[in-house]
Each structure stands twice: as structure tokens, then as C-alpha cells.
């Protein structure tokens, strides 16, 4: 749970106005239910390792990532 009062104080200490700090804290607070927690990431890691248990699976995934990145770079260079 975000301590909104403390967050506003910390942002104001960096030079933000109270209105700006309040707006940032409201945005963060309104999206906090969509953020991953440490437990979420640990569960995802466990499921990932269960799914890609073999080296061949991991090599396939790495190759796929390289292909996707290469495609993205090619598209960016076209524009």
C-alpha cells in the first residue's frame, strides 16, 4: 500500500509543487492494482521454469527473441 502523504512529501522535497506531486501520486495510486508484486514475479518465474524445463526449449525461446528484435529493428529502420 502506498503511503500517499509520504510520497507527496518526498516529491515536493525534489522541487515539485504540491499540485504536481499530488497528481503523480494519484496516477501511481490509481494504477497500483495493475503493477506486479514480488510474489507475482516469483510465481511467473516458477511457471516459466516449469514450461521451459529443457535446454532446447530455452534455445528456441532465445532464437525467437532474436528474431522478434531483428524484425522490430528492421521495421524501425524502414520508417
N, C-alpha and C. Protein backbone atom coordinates (compact mmCIF):
# COMPACT_ATOMS: atom_id res chain seq x y z
N UNK A 1 0.84 -1.18 0.00
CA UNK A 1 0.00 0.00 0.00
C UNK A 1 0.89 1.25 0.00
N UNK A 2 0.55 2.18 -0.84
CA UNK A 2 1.33 3.40 -0.98
C UNK A 2 0.94 4.41 0.10
N UNK A 3 1.94 4.91 0.80
CA UNK A 3 1.71 5.98 1.76
C UNK A 3 1.69 7.28 0.96
N UNK A 4 0.50 7.73 0.60
CA UNK A 4 0.37 8.87 -0.31
C UNK A 4 0.92 10.16 0.30
N UNK A 5 0.71 10.35 1.58
CA UNK A 5 1.21 11.57 2.23
C UNK A 5 2.73 11.62 2.17
N UNK A 6 3.38 10.48 2.48
CA UNK A 6 4.84 10.42 2.46
C UNK A 6 5.35 10.59 1.03
N UNK A 7 4.66 10.00 0.06
CA UNK A 7 5.08 10.12 -1.34
C UNK A 7 5.01 11.57 -1.80
N UNK A 8 3.94 12.27 -1.44
CA UNK A 8 3.81 13.68 -1.81
C UNK A 8 4.94 14.50 -1.17
N UNK A 9 5.23 14.23 0.09
CA UNK A 9 6.31 14.95 0.78
C UNK A 9 7.65 14.72 0.08
N UNK A 10 7.93 13.47 -0.31
CA UNK A 10 9.20 13.17 -0.96
C UNK A 10 9.30 13.84 -2.32
N UNK A 11 8.21 13.85 -3.08
CA UNK A 11 8.24 14.51 -4.38
C UNK A 11 8.39 16.02 -4.23
N UNK A 12 7.74 16.59 -3.24
CA UNK A 12 7.88 18.03 -3.01
C UNK A 12 9.31 18.38 -2.61
N UNK A 13 9.98 17.45 -1.90
CA UNK A 13 11.37 17.68 -1.48
C UNK A 13 12.31 17.74 -2.68
N UNK A 14 11.90 17.18 -3.80
CA UNK A 14 12.74 17.23 -5.01
C UNK A 14 12.47 18.46 -5.86
N UNK A 15 11.50 19.29 -5.42
CA UNK A 15 11.23 20.52 -6.13
C UNK A 15 9.88 20.58 -6.82
N UNK A 16 9.11 19.53 -6.74
CA UNK A 16 7.77 19.57 -7.34
C UNK A 16 6.85 20.43 -6.50
N UNK A 17 5.89 21.04 -7.18
CA UNK A 17 4.87 21.77 -6.42
C UNK A 17 3.94 20.74 -5.78
N UNK A 18 3.16 21.18 -4.81
CA UNK A 18 2.22 20.27 -4.14
C UNK A 18 1.21 19.71 -5.14
N UNK A 19 0.74 20.55 -6.07
CA UNK A 19 -0.21 20.08 -7.08
C UNK A 19 0.41 19.01 -7.97
N UNK A 20 1.65 19.24 -8.42
CA UNK A 20 2.32 18.26 -9.28
C UNK A 20 2.55 16.94 -8.54
N UNK A 21 3.04 17.05 -7.32
CA UNK A 21 3.30 15.86 -6.53
C UNK A 21 2.01 15.09 -6.28
N UNK A 22 0.96 15.80 -5.97
CA UNK A 22 -0.34 15.15 -5.75
C UNK A 22 -0.84 14.44 -6.99
N UNK A 23 -0.64 15.06 -8.15
CA UNK A 23 -1.08 14.44 -9.41
C UNK A 23 -0.30 13.17 -9.68
N UNK A 24 1.01 13.19 -9.48
CA UNK A 24 1.84 12.00 -9.70
C UNK A 24 1.40 10.88 -8.76
N UNK A 25 1.20 11.20 -7.51
CA UNK A 25 0.79 10.18 -6.54
C UNK A 25 -0.58 9.61 -6.88
N UNK A 26 -1.50 10.44 -7.33
CA UNK A 26 -2.83 9.93 -7.72
C UNK A 26 -2.74 8.97 -8.89
N UNK A 27 -1.90 9.30 -9.87
CA UNK A 27 -1.73 8.42 -11.03
C UNK A 27 -1.13 7.08 -10.59
N UNK A 28 -0.08 7.13 -9.80
CA UNK A 28 0.57 5.90 -9.34
C UNK A 28 -0.42 5.09 -8.51
N UNK A 29 -1.13 5.74 -7.64
CA UNK A 29 -2.07 5.04 -6.76
C UNK A 29 -3.21 4.41 -7.55
N UNK A 30 -3.66 5.08 -8.61
CA UNK A 30 -4.78 4.55 -9.39
C UNK A 30 -4.38 3.36 -10.25
N UNK A 31 -3.08 3.21 -10.52
CA UNK A 31 -2.62 2.09 -11.34
C UNK A 31 -1.93 1.01 -10.51
N UNK A 32 -1.84 1.19 -9.21
CA UNK A 32 -1.08 0.26 -8.38
C UNK A 32 -1.67 -1.16 -8.40
N UNK A 33 -2.96 -1.30 -8.66
CA UNK A 33 -3.53 -2.65 -8.70
C UNK A 33 -3.12 -3.39 -9.97
N UNK A 34 -2.53 -2.68 -10.93
CA UNK A 34 -2.08 -3.29 -12.18
C UNK A 34 -0.59 -3.60 -12.17
N UNK A 35 0.10 -3.24 -11.10
CA UNK A 35 1.54 -3.46 -11.01
C UNK A 35 1.82 -4.86 -10.48
N UNK A 36 2.91 -5.46 -10.95
CA UNK A 36 3.30 -6.78 -10.49
C UNK A 36 4.00 -6.67 -9.13
N UNK A 37 3.66 -7.59 -8.25
CA UNK A 37 4.33 -7.65 -6.95
C UNK A 37 5.49 -8.63 -7.04
N UNK A 38 6.31 -8.66 -6.00
CA UNK A 38 7.41 -9.61 -5.95
C UNK A 38 6.86 -11.03 -6.02
N UNK A 39 5.75 -11.30 -5.33
CA UNK A 39 5.13 -12.63 -5.36
C UNK A 39 4.65 -12.98 -6.77
N UNK A 40 4.09 -11.99 -7.48
CA UNK A 40 3.65 -12.22 -8.87
C UNK A 40 4.84 -12.64 -9.73
N UNK A 41 5.96 -11.93 -9.59
CA UNK A 41 7.14 -12.23 -10.39
C UNK A 41 7.73 -13.60 -10.04
N UNK A 42 7.71 -13.95 -8.76
CA UNK A 42 8.21 -15.27 -8.36
C UNK A 42 7.35 -16.38 -8.93
N UNK A 43 6.03 -16.18 -8.91
CA UNK A 43 5.12 -17.17 -9.47
C UNK A 43 5.33 -17.30 -10.98
N UNK A 44 5.51 -16.17 -11.65
CA UNK A 44 5.76 -16.19 -13.09
C UNK A 44 7.07 -16.91 -13.41
N UNK A 45 8.10 -16.65 -12.62
CA UNK A 45 9.38 -17.32 -12.82
C UNK A 45 9.23 -18.83 -12.66
N UNK A 46 8.50 -19.25 -11.64
CA UNK A 46 8.27 -20.68 -11.41
C UNK A 46 7.55 -21.30 -12.60
N UNK A 47 6.50 -20.66 -13.09
CA UNK A 47 5.76 -21.18 -14.23
C UNK A 47 6.64 -21.20 -15.48
N UNK A 48 7.46 -20.18 -15.66
CA UNK A 48 8.36 -20.10 -16.81
C UNK A 48 9.35 -21.27 -16.78
N UNK A 49 9.95 -21.50 -15.61
CA UNK A 49 10.93 -22.58 -15.50
C UNK A 49 10.28 -23.94 -15.68
N UNK A 50 9.05 -24.09 -15.21
CA UNK A 50 8.33 -25.35 -15.43
C UNK A 50 8.05 -25.55 -16.91
N UNK A 51 7.70 -24.51 -17.61
CA UNK A 51 7.34 -24.61 -19.02
C UNK A 51 8.57 -24.85 -19.90
N UNK A 52 9.63 -24.14 -19.63
CA UNK A 52 10.85 -24.25 -20.43
C UNK A 52 11.91 -25.01 -19.65
N UNK A 53 11.61 -26.26 -19.36
CA UNK A 53 12.47 -27.06 -18.50
C UNK A 53 13.70 -27.58 -19.21
N UNK A 54 13.65 -27.71 -20.52
CA UNK A 54 14.79 -28.28 -21.23
C UNK A 54 15.61 -27.19 -21.91
N UNK A 55 16.85 -27.51 -22.19
CA UNK A 55 17.72 -26.56 -22.87
C UNK A 55 17.22 -26.25 -24.27
N UNK A 56 16.65 -27.25 -24.94
CA UNK A 56 16.16 -27.00 -26.30
C UNK A 56 15.02 -25.99 -26.29
N UNK A 57 14.18 -26.06 -25.25
CA UNK A 57 13.10 -25.07 -25.13
C UNK A 57 13.68 -23.68 -24.94
N UNK A 58 14.70 -23.56 -24.10
CA UNK A 58 15.31 -22.26 -23.85
C UNK A 58 16.02 -21.73 -25.10
N UNK A 59 16.66 -22.61 -25.84
CA UNK A 59 17.32 -22.18 -27.08
C UNK A 59 16.29 -21.70 -28.10
N UNK A 60 15.16 -22.40 -28.18
CA UNK A 60 14.10 -21.98 -29.08
C UNK A 60 13.60 -20.59 -28.68
N UNK A 61 13.37 -20.39 -27.39
CA UNK A 61 12.88 -19.10 -26.90
C UNK A 61 13.89 -18.00 -27.19
N UNK A 62 15.16 -18.26 -26.96
CA UNK A 62 16.20 -17.25 -27.24
C UNK A 62 16.23 -16.92 -28.73
N UNK A 63 16.14 -17.93 -29.57
CA UNK A 63 16.11 -17.69 -31.01
C UNK A 63 14.91 -16.89 -31.43
N UNK A 64 13.78 -17.18 -30.83
CA UNK A 64 12.56 -16.44 -31.14
C UNK A 64 12.71 -14.98 -30.74
N UNK A 65 13.30 -14.73 -29.59
CA UNK A 65 13.50 -13.35 -29.14
C UNK A 65 14.42 -12.60 -30.09
N UNK A 66 15.47 -13.24 -30.56
CA UNK A 66 16.39 -12.60 -31.51
C UNK A 66 15.63 -12.26 -32.79
N UNK A 67 14.79 -13.18 -33.25
CA UNK A 67 14.01 -12.93 -34.47
C UNK A 67 13.06 -11.75 -34.29
N UNK A 68 12.40 -11.67 -33.16
CA UNK A 68 11.46 -10.58 -32.90
C UNK A 68 12.20 -9.24 -32.83
N UNK A 69 13.31 -9.22 -32.15
CA UNK A 69 14.10 -7.98 -32.03
C UNK A 69 14.61 -7.56 -33.40
N UNK A 70 15.08 -8.52 -34.19
CA UNK A 70 15.56 -8.20 -35.54
C UNK A 70 14.45 -7.62 -36.40
N UNK A 71 13.28 -8.20 -36.30
CA UNK A 71 12.13 -7.69 -37.05
C UNK A 71 11.78 -6.28 -36.61
N UNK A 72 11.80 -6.03 -35.31
CA UNK A 72 11.49 -4.69 -34.80
C UNK A 72 12.50 -3.67 -35.30
N UNK A 73 13.78 -4.03 -35.28
CA UNK A 73 14.82 -3.11 -35.76
C UNK A 73 14.63 -2.83 -37.25
N UNK A 74 14.31 -3.87 -38.02
CA UNK A 74 14.09 -3.69 -39.46
C UNK A 74 12.92 -2.76 -39.72
N UNK A 75 11.85 -2.92 -38.97
CA UNK A 75 10.68 -2.05 -39.14
C UNK A 75 11.01 -0.62 -38.79
N UNK A 76 11.76 -0.43 -37.71
CA UNK A 76 12.13 0.93 -37.29
C UNK A 76 13.00 1.59 -38.36
N UNK A 77 13.93 0.84 -38.94
CA UNK A 77 14.80 1.41 -39.97
C UNK A 77 14.04 1.78 -41.23
N UNK A 78 12.93 1.08 -41.49
CA UNK A 78 12.13 1.41 -42.67
C UNK A 78 11.44 2.76 -42.53
N UNK A 79 11.18 3.16 -41.32
CA UNK A 79 10.47 4.42 -41.09
C UNK A 79 11.45 5.41 -40.61
